[in-house]
């Protein structure tokens, strides 16, 4: 019966040894994606802190108003730093440095701002298909 705990211990040691195997280094593309994800997460944290700051300001203002309406004198506001908006997310990787699409099928540089200038259908423009 003493064999079972020994077998379990050896099995656990074997699994730990395989889990500790060295992984291959990350490719440049994977490193860039990881850096982009980290930058986006940091921006999200800044947005969350900004919204929290605004919320705390609203709560403090509501407290002061409700205290005054109840006839109590609220304590003087404490001077704190103003809430700073981090602005829209800016990609960490410049557009020029991003890899092109692998298939070679690229979108046009600008989207259409107006409808086509003709009222003809595609069939009318290309002409009737030859009859067989």
N, C-alpha and C. Protein backbone atom coordinates (compact mmCIF):
# COMPACT_ATOMS: atom_id res chain seq x y z
N UNK A 1 0.81 -1.18 0.00
CA UNK A 1 0.00 0.00 0.00
C UNK A 1 0.86 1.26 0.00
N UNK A 2 2.11 1.15 0.34
CA UNK A 2 2.98 2.30 0.34
C UNK A 2 3.41 2.66 -1.08
N UNK A 3 3.17 1.81 -2.01
CA UNK A 3 3.57 2.04 -3.40
C UNK A 3 2.72 3.14 -4.05
N UNK A 4 1.47 3.25 -3.71
CA UNK A 4 0.56 4.23 -4.33
C UNK A 4 1.03 5.66 -4.09
N UNK A 5 1.36 6.09 -2.85
CA UNK A 5 1.83 7.46 -2.67
C UNK A 5 3.14 7.73 -3.42
N UNK A 6 4.01 6.73 -3.48
CA UNK A 6 5.27 6.90 -4.20
C UNK A 6 5.00 7.07 -5.69
N UNK A 7 4.08 6.31 -6.24
CA UNK A 7 3.75 6.41 -7.66
C UNK A 7 3.14 7.77 -7.98
N UNK A 8 2.29 8.25 -7.09
CA UNK A 8 1.68 9.57 -7.30
C UNK A 8 2.75 10.65 -7.25
N UNK A 9 3.68 10.54 -6.33
CA UNK A 9 4.75 11.54 -6.22
C UNK A 9 5.62 11.55 -7.47
N UNK A 10 5.96 10.36 -7.98
CA UNK A 10 6.78 10.29 -9.19
C UNK A 10 6.03 10.84 -10.41
N UNK A 11 4.75 10.56 -10.49
CA UNK A 11 3.94 11.07 -11.59
C UNK A 11 3.86 12.59 -11.54
N UNK A 12 3.67 13.14 -10.35
CA UNK A 12 3.61 14.60 -10.19
C UNK A 12 4.94 15.24 -10.56
N UNK A 13 6.04 14.62 -10.16
CA UNK A 13 7.36 15.16 -10.49
C UNK A 13 7.59 15.13 -12.00
N UNK A 14 7.14 14.07 -12.64
CA UNK A 14 7.29 13.99 -14.10
C UNK A 14 6.47 15.05 -14.82
N UNK A 15 5.26 15.32 -14.35
CA UNK A 15 4.43 16.35 -14.96
C UNK A 15 5.02 17.74 -14.75
N UNK A 16 5.58 17.98 -13.59
CA UNK A 16 6.19 19.28 -13.32
C UNK A 16 7.41 19.51 -14.21
N UNK A 17 8.16 18.47 -14.47
CA UNK A 17 9.35 18.59 -15.31
C UNK A 17 8.97 18.93 -16.74
N UNK A 18 7.88 18.34 -17.25
CA UNK A 18 7.47 18.65 -18.62
C UNK A 18 6.85 20.03 -18.70
N UNK A 19 6.21 20.50 -17.64
CA UNK A 19 5.61 21.82 -17.65
C UNK A 19 6.68 22.91 -17.59
N UNK A 20 7.84 22.61 -17.08
CA UNK A 20 8.91 23.59 -16.96
C UNK A 20 9.80 23.64 -18.20
N UNK A 21 9.39 23.01 -19.29
CA UNK A 21 10.19 23.02 -20.52
C UNK A 21 10.28 24.45 -21.06
N UNK A 22 11.38 24.75 -21.71
CA UNK A 22 11.62 26.09 -22.21
C UNK A 22 10.81 26.32 -23.49
N UNK A 23 10.13 27.46 -23.55
CA UNK A 23 9.35 27.81 -24.73
C UNK A 23 10.23 28.52 -25.74
N UNK A 24 9.89 28.44 -27.03
CA UNK A 24 10.67 29.16 -28.02
C UNK A 24 10.44 30.67 -27.88
N UNK A 25 11.40 31.48 -28.33
CA UNK A 25 11.23 32.93 -28.22
C UNK A 25 10.07 33.41 -29.09
N UNK A 26 9.47 34.51 -28.68
CA UNK A 26 8.35 35.08 -29.43
C UNK A 26 8.82 35.72 -30.73
N UNK A 27 7.97 35.66 -31.74
CA UNK A 27 8.30 36.31 -33.01
C UNK A 27 8.09 37.82 -32.86
N UNK A 28 8.61 38.58 -33.81
CA UNK A 28 8.46 40.03 -33.76
C UNK A 28 6.99 40.42 -33.85
N UNK A 29 6.22 39.68 -34.64
CA UNK A 29 4.80 39.96 -34.78
C UNK A 29 4.07 39.74 -33.46
N UNK A 30 4.42 38.67 -32.76
CA UNK A 30 3.79 38.39 -31.47
C UNK A 30 4.18 39.44 -30.44
N UNK A 31 5.44 39.89 -30.49
CA UNK A 31 5.88 40.94 -29.57
C UNK A 31 5.13 42.23 -29.83
N UNK A 32 4.91 42.56 -31.11
CA UNK A 32 4.18 43.78 -31.47
C UNK A 32 2.73 43.70 -31.00
N UNK A 33 2.12 42.53 -31.17
CA UNK A 33 0.73 42.36 -30.72
C UNK A 33 0.64 42.47 -29.21
N UNK A 34 1.61 41.93 -28.50
CA UNK A 34 1.61 42.01 -27.04
C UNK A 34 1.79 43.46 -26.58
N UNK A 35 2.68 44.19 -27.26
CA UNK A 35 2.88 45.59 -26.91
C UNK A 35 1.62 46.41 -27.19
N UNK A 36 0.94 46.11 -28.29
CA UNK A 36 -0.30 46.80 -28.64
C UNK A 36 -1.38 46.51 -27.60
N UNK A 37 -1.47 45.25 -27.17
CA UNK A 37 -2.46 44.88 -26.16
C UNK A 37 -2.16 45.57 -24.82
N UNK A 38 -0.88 45.66 -24.48
CA UNK A 38 -0.50 46.33 -23.23
C UNK A 38 -0.82 47.82 -23.30
N UNK A 39 -0.57 48.44 -24.46
CA UNK A 39 -0.87 49.86 -24.61
C UNK A 39 -2.38 50.11 -24.53
N UNK A 40 -3.15 49.23 -25.13
CA UNK A 40 -4.60 49.39 -25.10
C UNK A 40 -5.13 49.18 -23.68
N UNK A 41 -4.56 48.23 -22.94
CA UNK A 41 -4.97 48.00 -21.56
C UNK A 41 -4.62 49.20 -20.68
N UNK A 42 -3.45 49.79 -20.91
CA UNK A 42 -3.05 50.97 -20.14
C UNK A 42 -3.98 52.14 -20.43
N UNK A 43 -4.38 52.29 -21.70
CA UNK A 43 -5.31 53.36 -22.06
C UNK A 43 -6.66 53.11 -21.39
N UNK A 44 -7.10 51.85 -21.37
CA UNK A 44 -8.36 51.51 -20.70
C UNK A 44 -8.32 51.83 -19.21
N UNK A 45 -7.16 51.61 -18.59
CA UNK A 45 -7.00 51.96 -17.18
C UNK A 45 -7.10 53.47 -16.98
N UNK A 46 -6.53 54.24 -17.90
CA UNK A 46 -6.61 55.71 -17.80
C UNK A 46 -8.05 56.18 -17.96
N UNK A 47 -8.78 55.57 -18.88
CA UNK A 47 -10.19 55.92 -19.07
C UNK A 47 -10.99 55.60 -17.81
N UNK A 48 -10.74 54.44 -17.22
CA UNK A 48 -11.44 54.05 -15.99
C UNK A 48 -11.14 55.02 -14.85
N UNK A 49 -9.88 55.44 -14.71
CA UNK A 49 -9.51 56.39 -13.67
C UNK A 49 -10.18 57.75 -13.90
N UNK A 50 -10.27 58.17 -15.17
CA UNK A 50 -10.92 59.43 -15.51
C UNK A 50 -12.41 59.39 -15.15
N UNK A 51 -13.08 58.30 -15.51
CA UNK A 51 -14.51 58.18 -15.19
C UNK A 51 -14.74 58.09 -13.68
N UNK A 52 -13.85 57.42 -12.97
CA UNK A 52 -13.95 57.34 -11.52
C UNK A 52 -13.79 58.72 -10.90
N UNK A 53 -12.84 59.50 -11.40
CA UNK A 53 -12.61 60.85 -10.91
C UNK A 53 -13.86 61.71 -11.11
N UNK A 54 -14.46 61.62 -12.30
CA UNK A 54 -15.68 62.38 -12.57
C UNK A 54 -16.81 61.94 -11.63
N UNK A 55 -16.93 60.65 -11.41
CA UNK A 55 -17.97 60.13 -10.53
C UNK A 55 -17.78 60.63 -9.11
N UNK A 56 -16.55 60.62 -8.62
CA UNK A 56 -16.29 61.09 -7.26
C UNK A 56 -16.61 62.57 -7.14
N UNK A 57 -16.32 63.36 -8.17
CA UNK A 57 -16.66 64.78 -8.15
C UNK A 57 -18.17 64.99 -8.09
N UNK A 58 -18.93 64.19 -8.86
CA UNK A 58 -20.39 64.31 -8.83
C UNK A 58 -20.96 63.93 -7.47
N UNK A 59 -20.41 62.88 -6.87
CA UNK A 59 -20.88 62.45 -5.55
C UNK A 59 -20.58 63.52 -4.50
N UNK A 60 -19.40 64.09 -4.54
CA UNK A 60 -19.04 65.13 -3.57
C UNK A 60 -19.94 66.36 -3.75
N UNK A 61 -20.22 66.74 -4.98
CA UNK A 61 -21.09 67.89 -5.23
C UNK A 61 -22.51 67.61 -4.74
N UNK A 62 -23.00 66.40 -4.98
CA UNK A 62 -24.34 66.03 -4.50
C UNK A 62 -24.38 66.06 -2.97
N UNK A 63 -23.33 65.58 -2.33
CA UNK A 63 -23.26 65.60 -0.87
C UNK A 63 -23.34 67.03 -0.35
N UNK A 64 -22.57 67.94 -0.96
CA UNK A 64 -22.58 69.34 -0.51
C UNK A 64 -23.96 69.97 -0.67
N UNK A 65 -24.61 69.70 -1.81
CA UNK A 65 -25.94 70.27 -2.05
C UNK A 65 -26.96 69.71 -1.07
N UNK A 66 -26.92 68.40 -0.83
CA UNK A 66 -27.90 67.80 0.09
C UNK A 66 -27.65 68.25 1.53
N UNK A 67 -26.39 68.45 1.90
CA UNK A 67 -26.08 68.92 3.25
C UNK A 67 -26.58 70.35 3.43
N UNK A 68 -26.40 71.20 2.42
CA UNK A 68 -26.88 72.58 2.51
C UNK A 68 -28.39 72.63 2.58
N UNK A 69 -29.07 71.78 1.79
CA UNK A 69 -30.53 71.79 1.80
C UNK A 69 -31.08 71.26 3.13
N UNK A 70 -30.29 70.44 3.84
CA UNK A 70 -30.70 69.93 5.15
C UNK A 70 -30.37 70.91 6.26
N UNK A 71 -29.75 72.05 5.91
CA UNK A 71 -29.42 73.06 6.91
C UNK A 71 -28.08 72.85 7.58
N UNK A 72 -27.28 71.95 7.10
CA UNK A 72 -25.95 71.72 7.68
C UNK A 72 -24.91 72.39 6.80
N UNK A 73 -23.83 72.77 7.43
CA UNK A 73 -22.72 73.37 6.67
C UNK A 73 -21.74 72.26 6.30
N UNK A 74 -21.60 71.97 4.99
CA UNK A 74 -20.66 70.91 4.60
C UNK A 74 -19.22 71.36 4.81
N UNK A 75 -18.31 70.41 4.99
CA UNK A 75 -16.90 70.80 5.14
C UNK A 75 -16.38 71.42 3.85
N UNK A 76 -15.34 72.20 4.00
CA UNK A 76 -14.75 72.86 2.83
C UNK A 76 -14.18 71.80 1.90
N UNK A 77 -14.34 72.00 0.58
CA UNK A 77 -13.79 71.01 -0.36
C UNK A 77 -12.26 70.99 -0.30
N UNK A 78 -11.74 69.80 -0.43
CA UNK A 78 -10.29 69.61 -0.43
C UNK A 78 -9.78 69.80 -1.86
N UNK A 79 -8.71 70.55 -2.00
CA UNK A 79 -8.15 70.80 -3.33
C UNK A 79 -7.48 69.53 -3.85
N UNK A 80 -7.94 69.06 -4.97
CA UNK A 80 -7.36 67.88 -5.60
C UNK A 80 -7.06 68.22 -7.06
N UNK A 81 -6.32 67.36 -7.70
CA UNK A 81 -6.01 67.56 -9.11
C UNK A 81 -7.27 67.39 -9.94
N UNK A 82 -7.36 68.16 -10.99
CA UNK A 82 -8.53 68.08 -11.87
C UNK A 82 -8.50 66.77 -12.64
N UNK A 83 -9.68 66.30 -13.02
CA UNK A 83 -9.77 65.08 -13.82
C UNK A 83 -9.23 65.37 -15.22
N UNK A 84 -8.32 64.55 -15.69
CA UNK A 84 -7.75 64.76 -17.02
C UNK A 84 -8.21 63.66 -17.95
N UNK A 85 -8.79 64.07 -19.07
CA UNK A 85 -9.27 63.12 -20.07
C UNK A 85 -8.08 62.61 -20.87
N UNK A 86 -7.89 61.28 -20.95
CA UNK A 86 -6.76 60.76 -21.70
C UNK A 86 -6.93 60.87 -23.21
N UNK A 87 -8.13 61.20 -23.67
CA UNK A 87 -8.36 61.35 -25.10
C UNK A 87 -8.61 60.01 -25.77
N UNK A 88 -8.79 60.04 -27.08
CA UNK A 88 -9.06 58.79 -27.79
C UNK A 88 -7.81 57.91 -27.84
N UNK A 89 -8.04 56.64 -28.04
CA UNK A 89 -6.93 55.69 -28.11
C UNK A 89 -6.12 55.93 -29.37
N UNK A 90 -4.83 56.02 -29.20
CA UNK A 90 -3.91 56.16 -30.33
C UNK A 90 -3.09 54.88 -30.42
N UNK A 91 -3.12 54.26 -31.58
CA UNK A 91 -2.39 53.00 -31.76
C UNK A 91 -0.91 53.21 -31.50
N UNK A 92 -0.30 52.26 -30.81
CA UNK A 92 1.12 52.35 -30.50
C UNK A 92 1.98 52.15 -31.74
N UNK A 93 1.50 51.34 -32.67
CA UNK A 93 2.27 51.06 -33.88
C UNK A 93 1.81 52.03 -34.97
N UNK A 94 2.70 52.82 -35.55
CA UNK A 94 2.28 53.72 -36.61
C UNK A 94 1.74 52.95 -37.81
N UNK A 95 0.85 53.57 -38.53
CA UNK A 95 0.19 52.91 -39.65
C UNK A 95 1.21 52.45 -40.70
N UNK A 96 2.23 53.26 -40.95
CA UNK A 96 3.23 52.92 -41.97
C UNK A 96 4.03 51.67 -41.58
N UNK A 97 4.17 51.40 -40.28
CA UNK A 97 4.98 50.26 -39.84
C UNK A 97 4.18 48.97 -39.75
N UNK A 98 2.88 49.05 -39.90
CA UNK A 98 2.06 47.84 -39.81
C UNK A 98 2.24 47.00 -41.07
N UNK A 99 2.19 45.68 -40.93
CA UNK A 99 2.35 44.82 -42.11
C UNK A 99 1.14 44.91 -43.03
N UNK A 100 1.39 44.74 -44.33
CA UNK A 100 0.31 44.73 -45.30
C UNK A 100 -0.48 43.44 -45.18
N UNK A 101 -1.67 43.45 -45.73
CA UNK A 101 -2.48 42.24 -45.70
C UNK A 101 -1.77 41.14 -46.48
N UNK A 102 -1.88 39.94 -46.01
CA UNK A 102 -1.15 38.84 -46.63
C UNK A 102 -1.71 38.48 -48.00
N UNK A 103 -3.01 38.64 -48.21
CA UNK A 103 -3.60 38.20 -49.47
C UNK A 103 -3.37 39.19 -50.60
N UNK A 104 -2.96 40.40 -50.29
CA UNK A 104 -2.76 41.40 -51.32
C UNK A 104 -4.04 42.13 -51.69
N UNK A 105 -5.15 41.78 -51.10
CA UNK A 105 -6.42 42.45 -51.37
C UNK A 105 -6.56 43.60 -50.40
N UNK A 106 -6.40 44.79 -50.89
CA UNK A 106 -6.44 45.97 -50.03
C UNK A 106 -7.68 46.79 -50.32
N UNK A 107 -8.18 47.42 -49.32
CA UNK A 107 -9.32 48.30 -49.47
C UNK A 107 -8.88 49.59 -50.14
N UNK A 108 -9.79 50.29 -50.80
CA UNK A 108 -9.42 51.58 -51.38
C UNK A 108 -9.06 52.55 -50.26
N UNK A 109 -8.24 53.56 -50.56
CA UNK A 109 -7.78 54.45 -49.50
C UNK A 109 -8.92 55.23 -48.83
N UNK A 110 -9.95 55.58 -49.58
CA UNK A 110 -11.06 56.34 -49.00
C UNK A 110 -12.36 55.62 -49.29
N UNK A 111 -13.30 55.78 -48.39
CA UNK A 111 -14.61 55.20 -48.64
C UNK A 111 -15.41 56.17 -49.49
N UNK A 112 -16.42 55.66 -50.17
CA UNK A 112 -17.24 56.49 -51.04
C UNK A 112 -18.02 57.49 -50.20
N UNK A 113 -17.94 58.75 -50.57
CA UNK A 113 -18.65 59.80 -49.85
C UNK A 113 -20.00 60.09 -50.50
N UNK A 114 -20.14 59.76 -51.78
CA UNK A 114 -21.38 60.00 -52.49
C UNK A 114 -21.75 58.75 -53.27
N UNK A 115 -23.01 58.64 -53.66
CA UNK A 115 -23.40 57.49 -54.46
C UNK A 115 -22.82 57.60 -55.86
N UNK A 116 -22.86 56.53 -56.63
CA UNK A 116 -22.34 56.59 -57.99
C UNK A 116 -23.05 57.69 -58.78
N UNK A 117 -22.36 58.28 -59.74
CA UNK A 117 -22.93 59.42 -60.47
C UNK A 117 -23.87 59.00 -61.59
N UNK A 118 -24.07 57.75 -61.77
CA UNK A 118 -24.97 57.29 -62.83
C UNK A 118 -26.13 56.51 -62.23
N UNK A 119 -27.25 56.54 -62.90
CA UNK A 119 -28.42 55.80 -62.44
C UNK A 119 -28.55 54.46 -63.16
N UNK A 120 -27.59 54.14 -64.03
CA UNK A 120 -27.64 52.88 -64.77
C UNK A 120 -27.27 51.72 -63.86
N UNK A 121 -27.86 50.60 -64.14
CA UNK A 121 -27.50 49.39 -63.40
C UNK A 121 -26.19 48.84 -63.96
N UNK A 122 -25.59 47.93 -63.24
CA UNK A 122 -24.33 47.34 -63.68
C UNK A 122 -24.52 46.58 -65.00
N UNK A 123 -25.67 45.97 -65.15
CA UNK A 123 -25.96 45.21 -66.36
C UNK A 123 -26.03 46.15 -67.57
N UNK A 124 -26.62 47.33 -67.39
CA UNK A 124 -26.72 48.30 -68.48
C UNK A 124 -25.35 48.85 -68.84
N UNK A 125 -24.52 49.09 -67.83
CA UNK A 125 -23.19 49.64 -68.09
C UNK A 125 -22.32 48.63 -68.83
N UNK A 126 -22.37 47.37 -68.42
CA UNK A 126 -21.54 46.35 -69.06
C UNK A 126 -22.13 45.87 -70.37
N UNK A 127 -23.34 46.16 -70.62
CA UNK A 127 -23.98 45.71 -71.87
C UNK A 127 -24.62 44.36 -71.65
N UNK A 128 -25.48 44.00 -72.54
CA UNK A 128 -26.18 42.72 -72.43
C UNK A 128 -25.18 41.60 -72.66
N UNK A 129 -25.34 40.53 -71.92
CA UNK A 129 -24.44 39.40 -72.08
C UNK A 129 -24.73 38.69 -73.41
N UNK A 130 -23.72 38.21 -74.06
CA UNK A 130 -23.94 37.54 -75.36
C UNK A 130 -24.77 36.29 -75.17
N UNK A 131 -25.68 36.09 -76.11
CA UNK A 131 -26.54 34.90 -76.04
C UNK A 131 -25.80 33.73 -76.62
N UNK A 132 -26.02 32.59 -76.05
CA UNK A 132 -25.32 31.39 -76.48
C UNK A 132 -26.19 30.58 -77.37
